[in-house]
PDB file of N, CA and C in Angstrom:
ATOM      1  N   MET A   1      14.648  -2.560   0.635  1.00  0.00           N
ATOM      2  CA  MET A   1      13.424  -3.297   0.863  1.00  0.00           C
ATOM      3  C   MET A   1      13.771  -4.785   0.851  1.00  0.00           C
ATOM      4  N   ASP A   2      13.334  -5.509   1.889  1.00  0.00           N
ATOM      5  CA  ASP A   2      13.613  -6.939   1.921  1.00  0.00           C
ATOM      6  C   ASP A   2      12.512  -7.709   1.187  1.00  0.00           C
ATOM      7  N   ALA A   3      12.658  -9.023   1.100  1.00  0.00           N
ATOM      8  CA  ALA A   3      11.720  -9.845   0.329  1.00  0.00           C
ATOM      9  C   ALA A   3      10.301  -9.775   0.879  1.00  0.00           C
ATOM     10  N   GLN A   4      10.158  -9.739   2.200  1.00  0.00           N
ATOM     11  CA  GLN A   4       8.817  -9.667   2.789  1.00  0.00           C
ATOM     12  C   GLN A   4       8.142  -8.330   2.455  1.00  0.00           C
ATOM     13  N   ALA A   5       8.870  -7.245   2.559  1.00  0.00           N
ATOM     14  CA  ALA A   5       8.310  -5.927   2.245  1.00  0.00           C
ATOM     15  C   ALA A   5       7.965  -5.826   0.757  1.00  0.00           C
ATOM     16  N   LEU A   6       8.845  -6.352  -0.097  1.00  0.00           N
ATOM     17  CA  LEU A   6       8.571  -6.339  -1.533  1.00  0.00           C
ATOM     18  C   LEU A   6       7.327  -7.157  -1.849  1.00  0.00           C
ATOM     19  N   SER A   7       7.207  -8.321  -1.234  1.00  0.00           N
ATOM     20  CA  SER A   7       6.023  -9.165  -1.446  1.00  0.00           C
ATOM     21  C   SER A   7       4.743  -8.445  -1.015  1.00  0.00           C
ATOM     22  N   ALA A   8       4.810  -7.758   0.117  1.00  0.00           N
ATOM     23  CA  ALA A   8       3.637  -7.024   0.601  1.00  0.00           C
ATOM     24  C   ALA A   8       3.261  -5.898  -0.362  1.00  0.00           C
ATOM     25  N   ARG A   9       4.268  -5.179  -0.871  1.00  0.00           N
ATOM     26  CA  ARG A   9       3.987  -4.098  -1.834  1.00  0.00           C
ATOM     27  C   ARG A   9       3.354  -4.647  -3.103  1.00  0.00           C
ATOM     28  N   LEU A  10       3.882  -5.776  -3.583  1.00  0.00           N
ATOM     29  CA  LEU A  10       3.334  -6.384  -4.800  1.00  0.00           C
ATOM     30  C   LEU A  10       1.935  -6.931  -4.565  1.00  0.00           C
ATOM     31  N   ALA A  11       1.720  -7.574  -3.436  1.00  0.00           N
ATOM     32  CA  ALA A  11       0.406  -8.154  -3.129  1.00  0.00           C
ATOM     33  C   ALA A  11      -0.670  -7.074  -3.067  1.00  0.00           C
ATOM     34  N   ALA A  12      -0.289  -5.902  -2.573  1.00  0.00           N
ATOM     35  CA  ALA A  12      -1.270  -4.818  -2.436  1.00  0.00           C
ATOM     36  C   ALA A  12      -1.805  -4.340  -3.782  1.00  0.00           C
ATOM     37  N   ILE A  13      -1.009  -4.464  -4.836  1.00  0.00           N
ATOM     38  CA  ILE A  13      -1.492  -4.019  -6.145  1.00  0.00           C
ATOM     39  C   ILE A  13      -1.790  -5.187  -7.082  1.00  0.00           C
ATOM     40  N   ALA A  14      -1.678  -6.406  -6.583  1.00  0.00           N
ATOM     41  CA  ALA A  14      -1.918  -7.600  -7.409  1.00  0.00           C
ATOM     42  C   ALA A  14      -3.409  -7.907  -7.475  1.00  0.00           C
ATOM     43  N   SER A  15      -4.172  -6.915  -7.796  1.00  0.00           N
ATOM     44  CA  SER A  15      -5.621  -7.032  -7.876  1.00  0.00           C
ATOM     45  C   SER A  15      -6.121  -6.043  -8.924  1.00  0.00           C
ATOM     46  N   PRO A  16      -6.908  -6.514  -9.881  1.00  0.00           N
ATOM     47  CA  PRO A  16      -7.438  -5.575 -10.883  1.00  0.00           C
ATOM     48  C   PRO A  16      -8.250  -4.448 -10.247  1.00  0.00           C
ATOM     49  N   GLN A  17      -8.967  -4.752  -9.167  1.00  0.00           N
ATOM     50  CA  GLN A  17      -9.765  -3.709  -8.502  1.00  0.00           C
ATOM     51  C   GLN A  17      -8.859  -2.633  -7.912  1.00  0.00           C
ATOM     52  N   ARG A  18      -7.766  -3.044  -7.284  1.00  0.00           N
ATOM     53  CA  ARG A  18      -6.867  -2.051  -6.690  1.00  0.00           C
ATOM     54  C   ARG A  18      -6.147  -1.244  -7.758  1.00  0.00           C
ATOM     55  N   MET A  19      -5.840  -1.880  -8.876  1.00  0.00           N
ATOM     56  CA  MET A  19      -5.231  -1.131  -9.980  1.00  0.00           C
ATOM     57  C   MET A  19      -6.210  -0.092 -10.519  1.00  0.00           C
ATOM     58  N   ARG A  20      -7.482  -0.428 -10.593  1.00  0.00           N
ATOM     59  CA  ARG A  20      -8.495   0.544 -11.026  1.00  0.00           C
ATOM     60  C   ARG A  20      -8.580   1.703 -10.048  1.00  0.00           C
ATOM     61  N   ILE A  21      -8.537   1.393  -8.757  1.00  0.00           N
ATOM     62  CA  ILE A  21      -8.588   2.439  -7.732  1.00  0.00           C
ATOM     63  C   ILE A  21      -7.394   3.374  -7.892  1.00  0.00           C
ATOM     64  N   LEU A  22      -6.198   2.812  -8.041  1.00  0.00           N
ATOM     65  CA  LEU A  22      -5.012   3.650  -8.247  1.00  0.00           C
ATOM     66  C   LEU A  22      -5.153   4.504  -9.504  1.00  0.00           C
ATOM     67  N   SER A  23      -5.679   3.912 -10.551  1.00  0.00           N
ATOM     68  CA  SER A  23      -5.875   4.637 -11.800  1.00  0.00           C
ATOM     69  C   SER A  23      -6.823   5.823 -11.612  1.00  0.00           C
ATOM     70  N   MET A  24      -7.904   5.609 -10.889  1.00  0.00           N
ATOM     71  CA  MET A  24      -8.873   6.696 -10.648  1.00  0.00           C
ATOM     72  C   MET A  24      -8.273   7.804  -9.796  1.00  0.00           C
ATOM     73  N   LEU A  25      -7.416   7.431  -8.853  1.00  0.00           N
ATOM     74  CA  LEU A  25      -6.821   8.429  -7.962  1.00  0.00           C
ATOM     75  C   LEU A  25      -5.603   9.117  -8.580  1.00  0.00           C
ATOM     76  N   ALA A  26      -5.135   8.617  -9.720  1.00  0.00           N
ATOM     77  CA  ALA A  26      -3.935   9.183 -10.345  1.00  0.00           C
ATOM     78  C   ALA A  26      -4.124  10.646 -10.720  1.00  0.00           C
ATOM     79  N   GLY A  27      -5.332  11.036 -11.076  1.00  0.00           N
ATOM     80  CA  GLY A  27      -5.561  12.402 -11.524  1.00  0.00           C
ATOM     81  C   GLY A  27      -5.951  13.373 -10.437  1.00  0.00           C
ATOM     82  N   GLU A  28      -6.561  12.857  -9.356  1.00  0.00           N
ATOM     83  CA  GLU A  28      -7.062  13.756  -8.315  1.00  0.00           C
ATOM     84  C   GLU A  28      -7.423  12.985  -7.058  1.00  0.00           C
ATOM     85  N   ALA A  29      -7.422  13.694  -5.932  1.00  0.00           N
ATOM     86  CA  ALA A  29      -7.923  13.110  -4.690  1.00  0.00           C
ATOM     87  C   ALA A  29      -9.442  13.012  -4.808  1.00  0.00           C
ATOM     88  N   LEU A  30      -9.995  11.911  -4.317  1.00  0.00           N
ATOM     89  CA  LEU A  30     -11.441  11.706  -4.423  1.00  0.00           C
ATOM     90  C   LEU A  30     -12.041  11.318  -3.081  1.00  0.00           C
ATOM     91  N   HIS A  31     -13.269  11.812  -2.865  1.00  0.00           N
ATOM     92  CA  HIS A  31     -14.068  11.418  -1.708  1.00  0.00           C
ATOM     93  C   HIS A  31     -14.484   9.964  -1.904  1.00  0.00           C
ATOM     94  N   VAL A  32     -14.578   9.209  -0.827  1.00  0.00           N
ATOM     95  CA  VAL A  32     -14.863   7.779  -0.901  1.00  0.00           C
ATOM     96  C   VAL A  32     -16.135   7.489  -1.690  1.00  0.00           C
ATOM     97  N   SER A  33     -17.191   8.245  -1.481  1.00  0.00           N
ATOM     98  CA  SER A  33     -18.446   7.977  -2.202  1.00  0.00           C
ATOM     99  C   SER A  33     -18.282   8.180  -3.703  1.00  0.00           C
ATOM    100  N   GLU A  34     -17.564   9.221  -4.096  1.00  0.00           N
ATOM    101  CA  GLU A  34     -17.321   9.470  -5.523  1.00  0.00           C
ATOM    102  C   GLU A  34     -16.449   8.368  -6.117  1.00  0.00           C
ATOM    103  N   LEU A  35     -15.428   7.978  -5.387  1.00  0.00           N
ATOM    104  CA  LEU A  35     -14.554   6.913  -5.858  1.00  0.00           C
ATOM    105  C   LEU A  35     -15.334   5.601  -5.994  1.00  0.00           C
ATOM    106  N   ALA A  36     -16.202   5.304  -5.043  1.00  0.00           N
ATOM    107  CA  ALA A  36     -17.021   4.086  -5.108  1.00  0.00           C
ATOM    108  C   ALA A  36     -17.913   4.097  -6.351  1.00  0.00           C
ATOM    109  N   ARG A  37     -18.484   5.254  -6.672  1.00  0.00           N
ATOM    110  CA  ARG A  37     -19.309   5.365  -7.893  1.00  0.00           C
ATOM    111  C   ARG A  37     -18.474   5.123  -9.142  1.00  0.00           C
ATOM    112  N   ARG A  38     -17.296   5.718  -9.177  1.00  0.00           N
ATOM    113  CA  ARG A  38     -16.457   5.603 -10.379  1.00  0.00           C
ATOM    114  C   ARG A  38     -15.947   4.185 -10.617  1.00  0.00           C
ATOM    115  N   VAL A  39     -15.633   3.474  -9.548  1.00  0.00           N
ATOM    116  CA  VAL A  39     -15.131   2.103  -9.716  1.00  0.00           C
ATOM    117  C   VAL A  39     -16.251   1.072  -9.595  1.00  0.00           C
ATOM    118  N   GLN A  40     -17.480   1.558  -9.389  1.00  0.00           N
ATOM    119  CA  GLN A  40     -18.674   0.706  -9.286  1.00  0.00           C
ATOM    120  C   GLN A  40     -18.481  -0.391  -8.248  1.00  0.00           C
ATOM    121  N   MET A  41     -18.267   0.060  -7.013  1.00  0.00           N
ATOM    122  CA  MET A  41     -17.986  -0.843  -5.906  1.00  0.00           C
ATOM    123  C   MET A  41     -18.675  -0.308  -4.650  1.00  0.00           C
ATOM    124  N   SER A  42     -19.093  -1.201  -3.781  1.00  0.00           N
ATOM    125  CA  SER A  42     -19.691  -0.749  -2.523  1.00  0.00           C
ATOM    126  C   SER A  42     -18.621  -0.028  -1.702  1.00  0.00           C
ATOM    127  N   ARG A  43     -19.064   0.890  -0.851  1.00  0.00           N
ATOM    128  CA  ARG A  43     -18.101   1.615  -0.022  1.00  0.00           C
ATOM    129  C   ARG A  43     -17.385   0.674   0.934  1.00  0.00           C
ATOM    130  N   ALA A  44     -18.079  -0.337   1.451  1.00  0.00           N
ATOM    131  CA  ALA A  44     -17.450  -1.291   2.375  1.00  0.00           C
ATOM    132  C   ALA A  44     -16.306  -2.038   1.691  1.00  0.00           C
ATOM    133  N   LEU A  45     -16.555  -2.529   0.487  1.00  0.00           N
ATOM    134  CA  LEU A  45     -15.508  -3.240  -0.250  1.00  0.00           C
ATOM    135  C   LEU A  45     -14.390  -2.282  -0.640  1.00  0.00           C
ATOM    136  N   LEU A  46     -14.742  -1.075  -1.041  1.00  0.00           N
ATOM    137  CA  LEU A  46     -13.743  -0.073  -1.403  1.00  0.00           C
ATOM    138  C   LEU A  46     -12.833   0.229  -0.215  1.00  0.00           C
ATOM    139  N   TYR A  47     -13.410   0.397   0.971  1.00  0.00           N
ATOM    140  CA  TYR A  47     -12.597   0.664   2.159  1.00  0.00           C
ATOM    141  C   TYR A  47     -11.599  -0.460   2.415  1.00  0.00           C
ATOM    142  N   MET A  48     -12.010  -1.713   2.181  1.00  0.00           N
ATOM    143  CA  MET A  48     -11.105  -2.840   2.371  1.00  0.00           C
ATOM    144  C   MET A  48      -9.908  -2.712   1.423  1.00  0.00           C
ATOM    145  N   HIS A  49     -10.191  -2.400   0.162  1.00  0.00           N
ATOM    146  CA  HIS A  49      -9.103  -2.224  -0.812  1.00  0.00           C
ATOM    147  C   HIS A  49      -8.238  -1.012  -0.468  1.00  0.00           C
ATOM    148  N   LEU A  50      -8.861   0.087  -0.086  1.00  0.00           N
ATOM    149  CA  LEU A  50      -8.099   1.287   0.275  1.00  0.00           C
ATOM    150  C   LEU A  50      -7.213   1.047   1.488  1.00  0.00           C
ATOM    151  N   GLN A  51      -7.678   0.262   2.429  1.00  0.00           N
ATOM    152  CA  GLN A  51      -6.866  -0.059   3.604  1.00  0.00           C
ATOM    153  C   GLN A  51      -5.602  -0.805   3.197  1.00  0.00           C
ATOM    154  N   ARG A  52      -5.741  -1.790   2.309  1.00  0.00           N
ATOM    155  CA  ARG A  52      -4.565  -2.531   1.831  1.00  0.00           C
ATOM    156  C   ARG A  52      -3.598  -1.595   1.111  1.00  0.00           C
ATOM    157  N   LEU A  53      -4.145  -0.722   0.262  1.00  0.00           N
ATOM    158  CA  LEU A  53      -3.289   0.216  -0.474  1.00  0.00           C
ATOM    159  C   LEU A  53      -2.615   1.215   0.455  1.00  0.00           C
ATOM    160  N   GLU A  54      -3.335   1.650   1.478  1.00  0.00           N
ATOM    161  CA  GLU A  54      -2.763   2.616   2.421  1.00  0.00           C
ATOM    162  C   GLU A  54      -1.673   1.952   3.270  1.00  0.00           C
ATOM    163  N   GLU A  55      -1.909   0.743   3.724  1.00  0.00           N
ATOM    164  CA  GLU A  55      -0.902   0.027   4.521  1.00  0.00           C
ATOM    165  C   GLU A  55       0.382  -0.197   3.729  1.00  0.00           C
ATOM    166  N   ALA A  56       0.246  -0.402   2.421  1.00  0.00           N
ATOM    167  CA  ALA A  56       1.418  -0.625   1.562  1.00  0.00           C
ATOM    168  C   ALA A  56       2.067   0.679   1.123  1.00  0.00           C
ATOM    169  N   GLY A  57       1.465   1.819   1.449  1.00  0.00           N
ATOM    170  CA  GLY A  57       2.068   3.106   1.140  1.00  0.00           C
ATOM    171  C   GLY A  57       1.745   3.677  -0.227  1.00  0.00           C
ATOM    172  N   TYR A  58       0.712   3.145  -0.890  1.00  0.00           N
ATOM    173  CA  TYR A  58       0.345   3.647  -2.218  1.00  0.00           C
ATOM    174  C   TYR A  58      -0.626   4.825  -2.161  1.00  0.00           C
ATOM    175  N   VAL A  59      -1.471   4.884  -1.132  1.00  0.00           N
ATOM    176  CA  VAL A  59      -2.441   5.971  -1.003  1.00  0.00           C
ATOM    177  C   VAL A  59      -2.438   6.469   0.434  1.00  0.00           C
ATOM    178  N   THR A  60      -2.995   7.648   0.600  1.00  0.00           N
ATOM    179  CA  THR A  60      -3.183   8.198   1.938  1.00  0.00           C
ATOM    180  C   THR A  60      -4.575   8.806   2.014  1.00  0.00           C
ATOM    181  N   GLY A  61      -5.175   8.729   3.191  1.00  0.00           N
ATOM    182  CA  GLY A  61      -6.504   9.285   3.392  1.00  0.00           C
ATOM    183  C   GLY A  61      -6.466  10.460   4.343  1.00  0.00           C
ATOM    184  N   ARG A  62      -7.414  11.366   4.153  1.00  0.00           N
ATOM    185  CA  ARG A  62      -7.516  12.516   5.052  1.00  0.00           C
ATOM    186  C   ARG A  62      -8.978  12.903   5.183  1.00  0.00           C
ATOM    187  N   LEU A  63      -9.324  13.468   6.316  1.00  0.00           N
ATOM    188  CA  LEU A  63     -10.689  13.945   6.545  1.00  0.00           C
ATOM    189  C   LEU A  63     -10.769  15.428   6.249  1.00  0.00           C
ATOM    190  N   GLU A  64     -11.842  15.821   5.578  1.00  0.00           N
ATOM    191  CA  GLU A  64     -12.119  17.235   5.328  1.00  0.00           C
ATOM    192  C   GLU A  64     -13.558  17.499   5.718  1.00  0.00           C
ATOM    193  N   LEU A  65     -13.832  18.709   6.164  1.00  0.00           N
ATOM    194  CA  LEU A  65     -15.192  19.100   6.494  1.00  0.00           C
ATOM    195  C   LEU A  65     -15.850  19.746   5.283  1.00  0.00           C
ATOM    196  N   SER A  66     -17.065  19.277   4.987  1.00  0.00           N
ATOM    197  CA  SER A  66     -17.815  19.883   3.889  1.00  0.00           C
ATOM    198  C   SER A  66     -18.427  21.197   4.369  1.00  0.00           C
ATOM    199  N   ASN A  67     -19.016  21.939   3.445  1.00  0.00           N
ATOM    200  CA  ASN A  67     -19.643  23.221   3.800  1.00  0.00           C
ATOM    201  C   ASN A  67     -20.769  23.058   4.815  1.00  0.00           C
ATOM    202  N   ASP A  68     -21.424  21.885   4.787  1.00  0.00           N
ATOM    203  CA  ASP A  68     -22.518  21.660   5.741  1.00  0.00           C
ATOM    204  C   ASP A  68     -22.043  20.946   7.014  1.00  0.00           C
ATOM    205  N   GLY A  69     -20.727  20.844   7.216  1.00  0.00           N
ATOM    206  CA  GLY A  69     -20.184  20.320   8.464  1.00  0.00           C
ATOM    207  C   GLY A  69     -19.977  18.814   8.514  1.00  0.00           C
ATOM    208  N   LYS A  70     -20.186  18.122   7.410  1.00  0.00           N
ATOM    209  CA  LYS A  70     -19.993  16.675   7.399  1.00  0.00           C
ATOM    210  C   LYS A  70     -18.510  16.361   7.183  1.00  0.00           C
ATOM    211  N   ALA A  71     -18.033  15.325   7.867  1.00  0.00           N
ATOM    212  CA  ALA A  71     -16.659  14.868   7.676  1.00  0.00           C
ATOM    213  C   ALA A  71     -16.622  13.969   6.444  1.00  0.00           C
ATOM    214  N   LEU A  72     -15.754  14.323   5.493  1.00  0.00           N
ATOM    215  CA  LEU A  72     -15.622  13.546   4.265  1.00  0.00           C
ATOM    216  C   LEU A  72     -14.214  12.967   4.196  1.00  0.00           C
ATOM    217  N   LYS A  73     -14.118  11.691   3.871  1.00  0.00           N
ATOM    218  CA  LYS A  73     -12.810  11.036   3.760  1.00  0.00           C
ATOM    219  C   LYS A  73     -12.370  11.063   2.305  1.00  0.00           C
ATOM    220  N   TYR A  74     -11.233  11.692   2.066  1.00  0.00           N
ATOM    221  CA  TYR A  74     -10.630  11.765   0.733  1.00  0.00           C
ATOM    222  C   TYR A  74      -9.385  10.893   0.699  1.00  0.00           C
ATOM    223  N   PHE A  75      -9.152  10.286  -0.444  1.00  0.00           N
ATOM    224  CA  PHE A  75      -7.935   9.501  -0.646  1.00  0.00           C
ATOM    225  C   PHE A  75      -7.194  10.066  -1.843  1.00  0.00           C
ATOM    226  N   GLU A  76      -5.861   9.977  -1.767  1.00  0.00           N
ATOM    227  CA  GLU A  76      -5.027  10.422  -2.869  1.00  0.00           C
ATOM    228  C   GLU A  76      -3.803   9.521  -2.972  1.00  0.00           C
ATOM    229  N   ILE A  77      -3.182   9.562  -4.126  1.00  0.00           N
ATOM    230  CA  ILE A  77      -2.000   8.766  -4.394  1.00  0.00           C
ATOM    231  C   ILE A  77      -0.808   9.317  -3.624  1.00  0.00           C
ATOM    232  N   VAL A  78       0.017   8.425  -3.098  1.00  0.00           N
ATOM    233  CA  VAL A  78       1.338   8.770  -2.591  1.00  0.00           C
ATOM    234  C   VAL A  78       2.288   8.434  -3.744  1.00  0.00           C
ATOM    235  N   PRO A  79       3.010   9.410  -4.270  1.00  0.00           N
ATOM    236  CA  PRO A  79       3.874   9.126  -5.421  1.00  0.00           C
ATOM    237  C   PRO A  79       4.809   7.941  -5.130  1.00  0.00           C
ATOM    238  N   PHE A  80       4.907   7.051  -6.096  1.00  0.00           N
ATOM    239  CA  PHE A  80       5.768   5.885  -5.923  1.00  0.00           C
ATOM    240  C   PHE A  80       6.346   5.460  -7.257  1.00  0.00           C
ATOM    241  N   ASP A  81       7.424   4.719  -7.162  1.00  0.00           N
ATOM    242  CA  ASP A  81       8.070   4.129  -8.325  1.00  0.00           C
ATOM    243  C   ASP A  81       8.450   2.716  -7.904  1.00  0.00           C
ATOM    244  N   LEU A  82       7.907   1.736  -8.575  1.00  0.00           N
ATOM    245  CA  LEU A  82       8.153   0.344  -8.224  1.00  0.00           C
ATOM    246  C   LEU A  82       8.717  -0.369  -9.436  1.00  0.00           C
ATOM    247  N   THR A  83       9.977  -0.800  -9.324  1.00  0.00           N
ATOM    248  CA  THR A  83      10.634  -1.508 -10.413  1.00  0.00           C
ATOM    249  C   THR A  83      10.807  -2.963 -10.008  1.00  0.00           C
ATOM    250  N   ILE A  84      10.302  -3.847 -10.840  1.00  0.00           N
ATOM    251  CA  ILE A  84      10.443  -5.281 -10.579  1.00  0.00           C
ATOM    252  C   ILE A  84      11.263  -5.878 -11.708  1.00  0.00           C
ATOM    253  N   ASP A  85      12.473  -6.238 -11.360  1.00  0.00           N
ATOM    254  CA  ASP A  85      13.326  -6.957 -12.282  1.00  0.00           C
ATOM    255  C   ASP A  85      14.133  -7.948 -11.448  1.00  0.00           C
ATOM    256  N   LEU A  86      14.938  -8.742 -12.095  1.00  0.00           N
ATOM    257  CA  LEU A  86      15.688  -9.765 -11.373  1.00  0.00           C
ATOM    258  C   LEU A  86      16.599  -9.155 -10.316  1.00  0.00           C
ATOM    259  N   ALA A  87      17.224  -8.048 -10.620  1.00  0.00           N
ATOM    260  CA  ALA A  87      18.121  -7.397  -9.657  1.00  0.00           C
ATOM    261  C   ALA A  87      17.369  -6.968  -8.396  1.00  0.00           C
ATOM    262  N   THR A  88      16.146  -6.464  -8.550  1.00  0.00           N
ATOM    263  CA  THR A  88      15.329  -6.058  -7.403  1.00  0.00           C
ATOM    264  C   THR A  88      15.013  -7.262  -6.526  1.00  0.00           C
ATOM    265  N   ILE A  89      14.636  -8.359  -7.160  1.00  0.00           N
ATOM    266  CA  ILE A  89      14.293  -9.569  -6.410  1.00  0.00           C
ATOM    267  C   ILE A  89      15.520 -10.115  -5.683  1.00  0.00           C
ATOM    268  N   VAL A  90      16.644 -10.197  -6.367  1.00  0.00           N
ATOM    269  CA  VAL A  90      17.875 -10.706  -5.750  1.00  0.00           C
ATOM    270  C   VAL A  90      18.268  -9.827  -4.558  1.00  0.00           C
ATOM    271  N   ALA A  91      18.210  -8.530  -4.719  1.00  0.00           N
ATOM    272  CA  ALA A  91      18.574  -7.613  -3.632  1.00  0.00           C
ATOM    273  C   ALA A  91      17.630  -7.783  -2.439  1.00  0.00           C
ATOM    274  N   ALA A  92      16.352  -7.940  -2.688  1.00  0.00           N
ATOM    275  CA  ALA A  92      15.379  -8.110  -1.608  1.00  0.00           C
ATOM    276  C   ALA A  92      15.632  -9.404  -0.840  1.00  0.00           C
ATOM    277  N   VAL A  93      15.911 -10.476  -1.560  1.00  0.00           N
ATOM    278  CA  VAL A  93      16.192 -11.756  -0.905  1.00  0.00           C
ATOM    279  C   VAL A  93      17.475 -11.655  -0.079  1.00  0.00           C
ATOM    280  N   ARG A  94      18.494 -11.019  -0.614  1.00  0.00           N
ATOM    281  CA  ARG A  94      19.756 -10.860   0.133  1.00  0.00           C
ATOM    282  C   ARG A  94      19.546 -10.053   1.408  1.00  0.00           C
ATOM    283  N   ARG A  95      18.748  -8.984   1.325  1.00  0.00           N
ATOM    284  CA  ARG A  95      18.466  -8.193   2.537  1.00  0.00           C
ATOM    285  C   ARG A  95      17.755  -9.050   3.574  1.00  0.00           C
ATOM    286  N   SER A  96      16.819  -9.873   3.129  1.00  0.00           N
ATOM    287  CA  SER A  96      16.102 -10.756   4.059  1.00  0.00           C
ATOM    288  C   SER A  96      17.057 -11.745   4.709  1.00  0.00           C
ATOM    289  N   GLU A  97      17.941 -12.326   3.907  1.00  0.00           N
ATOM    290  CA  GLU A  97      18.906 -13.286   4.443  1.00  0.00           C
ATOM    291  C   GLU A  97      19.872 -12.610   5.413  1.00  0.00           C
ATOM    292  N   ASP A  98      20.327 -11.405   5.076  1.00  0.00           N
ATOM    293  CA  ASP A  98      21.225 -10.664   5.963  1.00  0.00           C
ATOM    294  C   ASP A  98      20.531 -10.335   7.286  1.00  0.00           C
ATOM    295  N   GLN A  99      19.278  -9.923   7.176  1.00  0.00           N
ATOM    296  CA  GLN A  99      18.513  -9.587   8.373  1.00  0.00           C
ATOM    297  C   GLN A  99      18.312 -10.830   9.241  1.00  0.00           C
ATOM    298  N   GLN A 100      17.991 -11.941   8.624  1.00  0.00           N
ATOM    299  CA  GLN A 100      17.790 -13.189   9.352  1.00  0.00           C
ATOM    300  C   GLN A 100      19.097 -13.610  10.036  1.00  0.00           C
ATOM    301  N   HIS A 101      20.216 -13.490   9.325  1.00  0.00           N
ATOM    302  CA  HIS A 101      21.517 -13.843   9.902  1.00  0.00           C
ATOM    303  C   HIS A 101      21.826 -12.944  11.104  1.00  0.00           C
ATOM    304  N   SER A 102      21.578 -11.646  10.984  1.00  0.00           N
ATOM    305  CA  SER A 102      21.832 -10.714  12.086  1.00  0.00           C
ATOM    306  C   SER A 102      20.989 -11.065  13.305  1.00  0.00           C
ATOM    307  N   GLU A 103      19.739 -11.435  13.095  1.00  0.00           N
ATOM    308  CA  GLU A 103      18.861 -11.821  14.201  1.00  0.00           C
ATOM    309  C   GLU A 103      19.355 -13.097  14.866  1.00  0.00           C
ATOM    310  N   GLU A 104      19.854 -14.057  14.079  1.00  0.00           N
ATOM    311  CA  GLU A 104      20.380 -15.298  14.631  1.00  0.00           C
ATOM    312  C   GLU A 104      21.627 -15.033  15.471  1.00  0.00           C
ATOM    313  N   VAL A 105      22.508 -14.147  14.987  1.00  0.00           N
ATOM    314  CA  VAL A 105      23.714 -13.791  15.731  1.00  0.00           C
ATOM    315  C   VAL A 105      23.335 -13.117  17.038  1.00  0.00           C
ATOM    316  N   GLN A 106      22.363 -12.220  16.994  1.00  0.00           N
ATOM    317  CA  GLN A 106      21.940 -11.506  18.194  1.00  0.00           C
ATOM    318  C   GLN A 106      21.362 -12.484  19.221  1.00  0.00           C
ATOM    319  N   ARG A 107      20.533 -13.423  18.778  1.00  0.00           N
ATOM    320  CA  ARG A 107      19.964 -14.414  19.700  1.00  0.00           C
ATOM    321  C   ARG A 107      21.063 -15.286  20.303  1.00  0.00           C
ATOM    322  N   SER A 108      22.039 -15.637  19.492  1.00  0.00           N
ATOM    323  CA  SER A 108      23.150 -16.462  19.952  1.00  0.00           C
ATOM    324  C   SER A 108      23.961 -15.723  21.016  1.00  0.00           C
ATOM    325  N   GLU A 109      24.199 -14.438  20.792  1.00  0.00           N
ATOM    326  CA  GLU A 109      24.959 -13.628  21.760  1.00  0.00           C
ATOM    327  C   GLU A 109      24.195 -13.454  23.045  1.00  0.00           C
ATOM    328  N   GLU A 110      22.871 -13.298  22.941  1.00  0.00           N
ATOM    329  CA  GLU A 110      22.040 -13.107  24.138  1.00  0.00           C
ATOM    330  C   GLU A 110      21.951 -14.381  24.966  1.00  0.00           C
ATOM    331  N   SER A 111      21.982 -15.522  24.315  1.00  0.00           N
ATOM    332  CA  SER A 111      21.845 -16.786  25.048  1.00  0.00           C
ATOM    333  C   SER A 111      23.187 -17.347  25.517  1.00  0.00           C
ATOM    334  N   GLY A 112      24.286 -16.860  24.975  1.00  0.00           N
ATOM    335  CA  GLY A 112      25.586 -17.443  25.279  1.00  0.00           C
ATOM    336  C   GLY A 112      26.410 -16.564  26.050  1.00  0.00           C
TER     337      GLY A 112
END
């Protein structure tokens, strides 16, 4: 994971509301309306937070049909392990620098 990807992963959970959402989903997949009730948040705001979490790979959503034929959106945790220590940060920065150097070499070869 490079520095940009690490920053995006951290930013996605750098919110007390998103941490609460992850906490609620830790035990079970929940329908959006139930999750909104549990975290005491509007569904519109909840969807915004869930989108950030889903883009970062922390949760996934799926549609299920209820007994009466309604489409219900459920979200659940995608198992993850995120370790933040100095070694992780140094490695991420080095990957970013290596990637940037490779892109510069490629551009130089293409133009020369």
